Protein backbone atom coordinates (compact mmCIF):
# COMPACT_ATOMS: atom_id res chain seq x y z
CA MET A 1 112.88 66.83 128.46
CA SER A 2 111.78 68.90 125.49
CA ASN A 3 114.31 71.24 123.94
CA ILE A 4 111.52 73.41 122.51
CA LEU A 5 111.31 76.93 123.95
CA ILE A 6 107.88 78.39 124.76
CA ALA A 7 107.22 82.13 124.82
CA PRO A 8 103.70 83.17 125.89
CA SER A 9 102.70 86.42 124.18
CA VAL A 10 101.80 89.05 126.76
CA LEU A 11 99.70 90.88 124.16
CA ALA A 12 97.00 88.27 124.83
CA ALA A 13 97.16 88.64 128.63
CA ASP A 14 94.46 90.33 130.74
CA PHE A 15 95.79 93.90 131.01
CA ALA A 16 93.58 94.55 134.04
CA ASN A 17 95.32 91.66 135.79
CA LEU A 18 98.74 91.86 134.19
CA GLN A 19 100.76 91.10 137.32
CA ARG A 20 98.62 87.99 137.93
CA ASP A 21 99.25 86.75 134.38
CA ILE A 22 102.98 87.49 134.60
CA GLU A 23 103.21 85.49 137.83
CA MET A 24 101.34 82.63 136.11
CA VAL A 25 104.00 82.54 133.39
CA ASN A 26 106.73 82.77 136.05
CA ASN A 27 105.29 79.62 137.67
CA SER A 28 104.83 77.77 134.37
CA GLN A 29 107.16 75.72 132.16
CA ALA A 30 107.48 78.66 129.75
CA ASP A 31 110.97 79.90 128.89
CA TRP A 32 110.46 83.54 127.79
CA PHE A 33 107.92 86.33 127.86
CA HIS A 34 107.15 87.44 124.30
CA ILE A 35 106.55 91.20 124.10
CA ASP A 36 105.02 92.63 120.89
CA VAL A 37 105.80 96.32 120.41
CA MET A 38 103.61 98.07 117.80
CA ASP A 39 103.85 101.70 116.72
CA GLY A 40 100.66 102.30 114.70
CA HIS A 41 102.79 102.87 111.57
CA PHE A 42 104.55 99.64 110.61
CA VAL A 43 101.40 97.84 111.79
CA PRO A 44 97.95 99.40 112.35
CA ASN A 45 97.77 98.79 116.10
CA ILE A 46 99.61 100.37 119.04
CA SER A 47 100.63 98.15 121.94
CA PHE A 48 103.04 98.48 124.86
CA GLY A 49 105.00 101.60 125.69
CA MET A 50 108.27 101.65 127.58
CA PRO A 51 106.75 102.07 131.09
CA VAL A 52 104.59 98.95 130.69
CA ILE A 53 107.51 96.82 129.52
CA GLU A 54 109.64 98.13 132.38
CA ALA A 55 106.85 97.17 134.80
CA ILE A 56 106.58 93.68 133.27
CA ASN A 57 110.32 93.24 133.68
CA ARG A 58 110.14 94.14 137.38
CA HIS A 59 107.87 91.15 138.00
CA ALA A 60 109.11 88.70 135.34
CA THR A 61 111.57 85.99 136.38
CA LYS A 62 112.16 84.86 132.79
CA PRO A 63 113.81 86.69 129.87
CA LEU A 64 111.90 89.23 127.79
CA ASP A 65 111.74 88.35 124.08
CA VAL A 66 110.98 91.74 122.52
CA HIS A 67 109.54 91.80 118.99
CA LEU A 68 109.69 95.28 117.44
CA MET A 69 106.92 95.82 114.91
CA ILE A 70 107.97 99.43 114.48
CA GLU A 71 109.53 101.69 111.88
CA LYS A 72 113.22 102.60 112.32
CA PRO A 73 113.73 100.30 115.33
CA GLU A 74 117.40 101.27 115.55
CA ARG A 75 116.32 104.50 117.30
CA TYR A 76 115.13 102.65 120.39
CA LEU A 77 117.44 99.65 120.82
CA GLU A 78 119.39 101.03 123.78
CA GLU A 79 116.17 101.94 125.57
CA PHE A 80 114.69 98.46 125.12
CA LYS A 81 117.88 96.96 126.49
CA ARG A 82 117.73 99.34 129.46
CA ILE A 83 114.17 98.33 130.38
CA GLY A 84 114.90 94.62 130.29
CA ALA A 85 115.00 93.13 126.78
CA ALA A 86 117.10 89.96 126.58
CA ASN A 87 116.21 89.24 122.95
CA ILE A 88 115.40 91.88 120.34
CA THR A 89 113.94 90.97 116.95
CA VAL A 90 113.43 93.50 114.16
CA HIS A 91 111.53 93.20 110.91
CA TYR A 92 113.43 92.76 107.67
CA GLU A 93 110.73 94.91 106.08
CA ALA A 94 111.35 97.79 108.53
CA CYS A 95 115.15 98.05 108.40
CA THR A 96 116.95 99.90 105.63
CA HIS A 97 120.35 98.88 107.04
CA LEU A 98 119.58 95.48 108.53
CA HIS A 99 123.16 94.33 109.10
CA ARG A 100 123.99 97.50 111.04
CA THR A 101 120.86 97.12 113.19
CA ILE A 102 121.65 93.47 114.00
CA GLN A 103 125.19 94.47 115.02
CA GLN A 104 123.78 97.21 117.26
CA ILE A 105 121.60 94.65 119.05
CA LYS A 106 124.52 92.26 119.49
CA ASP A 107 126.74 95.07 120.80
CA LEU A 108 124.11 95.68 123.50
CA GLY A 109 124.54 92.07 124.64
CA CYS A 110 121.10 90.94 123.45
CA LEU A 111 120.22 87.95 121.29
CA ALA A 112 119.59 89.52 117.87
CA GLY A 113 116.91 88.31 115.48
CA VAL A 114 115.22 89.13 112.18
CA VAL A 115 111.47 88.83 111.63
CA LEU A 116 109.91 87.93 108.28
CA ASN A 117 106.31 88.69 107.33
CA PRO A 118 104.28 85.85 105.77
CA ALA A 119 104.87 87.06 102.19
CA THR A 120 108.62 87.59 102.65
CA PRO A 121 110.71 84.60 101.48
CA VAL A 122 113.39 83.12 103.74
CA SER A 123 115.97 83.65 100.98
CA VAL A 124 116.26 87.33 101.98
CA VAL A 125 118.12 86.39 105.20
CA GLU A 126 120.74 84.26 103.44
CA GLU A 127 123.50 86.88 103.85
CA ILE A 128 122.59 87.96 107.39
CA LEU A 129 121.90 84.45 108.76
CA PRO A 130 125.37 83.87 110.30
CA ASP A 131 124.97 87.09 112.31
CA CYS A 132 121.54 86.20 113.73
CA GLY A 133 120.78 84.34 116.91
CA MET A 134 117.21 83.84 115.76
CA ILE A 135 114.86 84.17 112.79
CA LEU A 136 111.21 84.80 113.65
CA LEU A 137 108.70 83.70 111.02
CA MET A 138 105.28 85.33 111.21
CA SER A 139 102.62 82.67 110.65
CA VAL A 140 99.92 85.35 110.62
CA ASN A 141 100.05 88.93 109.36
CA PRO A 142 101.55 91.16 112.06
CA GLY A 143 99.46 93.58 114.05
CA TYR A 144 96.53 91.56 115.42
CA GLY A 145 96.14 88.62 117.79
CA GLY A 146 93.91 85.62 117.25
CA GLN A 147 94.37 85.27 113.47
CA LYS A 148 94.16 82.01 111.55
CA PHE A 149 97.44 80.18 111.04
CA ILE A 150 98.88 80.44 107.50
CA GLU A 151 99.48 76.87 106.31
CA SER A 152 102.40 77.70 103.99
CA THR A 153 104.46 78.45 107.11
CA TYR A 154 105.39 74.76 107.48
CA GLU A 155 107.24 74.74 104.16
CA LYS A 156 108.87 78.05 105.01
CA VAL A 157 110.19 76.55 108.26
CA ARG A 158 111.57 73.53 106.38
CA LYS A 159 113.41 75.80 103.91
CA LEU A 160 114.90 77.90 106.70
CA ARG A 161 115.88 74.79 108.71
CA LYS A 162 117.75 73.51 105.65
CA MET A 163 119.57 76.83 105.22
CA ILE A 164 120.65 76.85 108.87
CA ASP A 165 121.70 73.20 108.99
CA GLU A 166 123.67 73.36 105.73
CA ARG A 167 125.74 76.20 107.18
CA GLY A 168 126.26 74.46 110.51
CA LEU A 169 124.66 77.37 112.38
CA THR A 170 122.83 77.36 115.72
CA THR A 171 120.32 80.06 114.73
CA LEU A 172 116.94 79.48 116.37
CA ILE A 173 113.69 79.41 114.38
CA GLU A 174 110.85 81.16 116.21
CA ILE A 175 107.18 81.13 115.13
CA ASP A 176 104.56 83.75 115.95
CA GLY A 177 100.84 83.40 115.22
CA GLY A 178 98.14 80.75 115.48
CA VAL A 179 100.25 78.37 117.57
CA ASN A 180 98.36 75.66 119.45
CA GLN A 181 99.04 72.01 120.28
CA GLU A 182 98.31 70.81 116.75
CA THR A 183 100.14 73.51 114.78
CA GLY A 184 102.93 73.48 117.38
CA GLN A 185 103.66 69.80 116.77
CA LYS A 186 103.75 70.30 112.99
CA LEU A 187 106.02 73.34 113.34
CA VAL A 188 108.46 71.45 115.55
CA ASP A 189 108.43 68.55 113.10
CA ALA A 190 109.30 71.05 110.33
CA GLY A 191 112.24 72.39 112.35
CA ALA A 192 111.00 75.17 114.66
CA ASP A 193 112.77 75.78 117.99
CA VAL A 194 110.67 78.48 119.69
CA LEU A 195 106.86 78.67 119.82
CA ILE A 196 105.06 81.89 120.67
CA ALA A 197 101.50 81.38 121.91
CA GLY A 198 99.09 84.14 122.86
CA SER A 199 95.36 83.45 122.87
CA TYR A 200 95.98 79.68 123.09
CA VAL A 201 97.62 80.24 126.48
CA PHE A 202 95.87 83.25 128.00
CA GLY A 203 92.44 82.34 126.60
CA ASN A 204 92.72 78.81 127.96
CA SER A 205 90.77 77.71 131.04
CA ASN A 206 94.03 76.15 132.27
CA PRO A 207 96.93 78.23 130.91
CA LEU A 208 99.55 76.32 132.92
CA GLU A 209 98.38 73.09 131.29
CA ALA A 210 98.39 74.72 127.82
CA ILE A 211 102.01 75.85 128.31
CA ALA A 212 103.01 72.41 129.63
CA GLY A 213 101.45 70.76 126.58
CA LEU A 214 103.47 72.93 124.22
CA LYS A 215 106.64 72.46 126.24
CA ASN A 216 106.29 68.70 126.06
CA ILE A 217 106.10 68.58 122.24
CA LYS A 218 108.80 66.21 121.00
CA ARG A 219 110.67 66.26 117.72
CA VAL A 220 109.94 63.22 115.56
């Protein structure tokens, strides 16, 4: 069995049939629901508000992996925990006091993670790495779905994998953007643990099969 975790991105779901798509993920081999929260400031778009996430959580039978693409995320951590977040990831670029924010997330009992934009080097998490349950690498620029995968991500994953392994840590490497069967295999080969897939899953004629294909990727 694959040890790769799959997190379909609800941002790519059919919002007019959201319960249907949530139930599809519930019945799939996926491990998490990935929830992108955008505030119109840190990124240009606005996505889910609290009531929508709370509604998703009522129907979801798998953990919510909440990715905060917002300014000053520390203001809302308790509320995201209350409405169902199991994992909370915050952007390095959005946190003035990153260590404090990560500790806040951990104190809430959530898996705490740091997100890096494509142009942000992995070296910036060297000091915080032992405190993180996960590092999320953006393989597209945050804010829009359906973008082209940034090829330099593979090397970035390899560098981060080396940092984690050399320290004997269990920190997960998560990837967001442009993930499909081909890029997914290369990412896993480079050292990724968690694959987020949006349009590749929800835009697929057989989303259950798309998820199963990703879940069955093997490390070489």
